[in-house]
Amino acid sequence: MKFSYRLVRISSGFVAECVESEAAGEGKTATEAVESLRRSLEERMFRPDAVAPPSQPTEGVIELVLADEGAAADRRSLDPSGPGDAPLR
């Protein structure tokens, strides 16, 4: 499964927000925030009480990609593997 996310700098670190769902993750670093988002999505998708669980285990198949910056016009989006803050426009 492939999900897009936006990465936003906050005073205490970063928040990774899923574009397709209301899931989010927070961390002191961008990488921690993305991993927190991945865990949040996995909990939602693979929890035992979910309706019609998959017939085969599919853990670890969530792919997260940075959303297009044009979609977040009022926010600065960051790439966790990039050099730092996105340039101001």
Protein backbone atom coordinates (compact mmCIF):
# COMPACT_ATOMS: atom_id res chain seq x y z
CA MET A 1 0.00 0.00 0.00
CA LYS A 2 1.28 3.42 -0.91
CA PHE A 3 0.45 6.56 1.09
CA SER A 4 1.54 10.16 0.64
CA TYR A 5 2.53 12.35 3.56
CA ARG A 6 3.43 15.93 4.35
CA LEU A 7 6.24 16.68 6.75
CA VAL A 8 5.82 19.83 8.84
CA ARG A 9 8.31 21.33 11.25
CA ILE A 10 6.84 22.21 14.68
CA SER A 11 8.50 23.68 17.76
CA SER A 12 9.21 20.26 19.30
CA GLY A 13 10.32 18.51 16.08
CA PHE A 14 8.30 17.25 13.12
CA VAL A 15 4.83 15.96 12.25
CA ALA A 16 4.24 13.60 9.32
CA GLU A 17 0.61 13.82 8.13
CA CYS A 18 -0.92 11.22 5.83
CA VAL A 19 -2.68 12.81 2.85
CA GLU A 20 -5.11 9.92 2.27
CA SER A 21 -6.19 9.39 5.88
CA GLU A 22 -6.29 11.23 9.18
CA ALA A 23 -3.22 9.40 10.48
CA ALA A 24 -0.21 11.33 11.71
CA GLY A 25 3.09 10.71 13.42
CA GLU A 26 5.33 12.95 15.48
CA GLY A 27 9.04 12.84 16.29
CA LYS A 28 12.07 14.89 17.23
CA THR A 29 13.52 14.22 13.76
CA ALA A 30 11.89 13.93 10.36
CA THR A 31 12.78 10.23 10.20
CA GLU A 32 11.21 9.57 13.61
CA ALA A 33 8.01 11.34 12.51
CA VAL A 34 7.75 9.27 9.31
CA GLU A 35 8.34 6.02 11.24
CA SER A 36 5.70 7.08 13.78
CA LEU A 37 3.26 7.68 10.90
CA ARG A 38 4.09 4.24 9.47
CA ARG A 39 3.33 2.60 12.85
CA SER A 40 0.06 4.55 13.08
CA LEU A 41 -1.01 3.38 9.62
CA GLU A 42 0.00 -0.22 10.38
CA GLU A 43 -2.07 -0.16 13.57
CA ARG A 44 -5.08 1.10 11.63
CA MET A 45 -4.67 -1.35 8.75
CA PHE A 46 -3.59 -4.51 10.57
CA ARG A 47 -5.23 -4.34 13.99
CA PRO A 48 -6.98 -7.55 15.07
CA ASP A 49 -10.45 -5.98 15.24
CA ALA A 50 -10.35 -4.69 11.65
CA VAL A 51 -13.07 -5.96 9.36
CA ALA A 52 -11.95 -8.70 6.95
CA PRO A 53 -8.29 -9.00 7.88
CA PRO A 54 -5.97 -10.02 5.04
CA SER A 55 -5.65 -13.76 4.41
CA GLN A 56 -1.85 -13.51 4.45
CA PRO A 57 0.27 -11.34 6.75
CA THR A 58 1.12 -8.10 4.98
CA GLU A 59 3.03 -6.22 7.65
CA GLY A 60 5.81 -4.03 6.38
CA VAL A 61 4.20 -3.32 3.02
CA ILE A 62 3.24 0.28 3.70
CA GLU A 63 5.21 2.61 1.45
CA LEU A 64 5.30 6.31 2.34
CA VAL A 65 6.14 8.96 -0.26
CA LEU A 66 6.52 12.69 0.26
CA ALA A 67 3.47 14.52 -1.12
CA ASP A 68 3.78 17.15 -3.83
CA GLU A 69 4.69 20.47 -2.20
CA GLY A 70 2.14 22.24 -4.39
CA ALA A 71 -0.60 20.44 -2.46
CA ALA A 72 0.48 22.20 0.75
CA ALA A 73 0.47 25.81 -0.37
CA ASP A 74 0.23 27.31 3.13
CA ARG A 75 2.80 25.01 4.77
CA ARG A 76 6.46 24.27 4.26
CA SER A 77 7.01 20.62 3.41
CA LEU A 78 10.30 18.88 4.14
CA ASP A 79 12.00 15.79 2.77
CA PRO A 80 13.45 13.73 5.66
CA SER A 81 16.41 12.73 3.52
CA GLY A 82 17.01 16.27 2.25
CA PRO A 83 19.46 18.89 3.47
CA GLY A 84 17.03 20.74 5.77
CA ASP A 85 14.28 23.29 5.50
CA ALA A 86 12.62 23.83 2.18
CA PRO A 87 13.41 27.25 0.67
CA LEU A 88 10.87 29.99 1.27
CA ARG A 89 8.81 30.85 -1.81
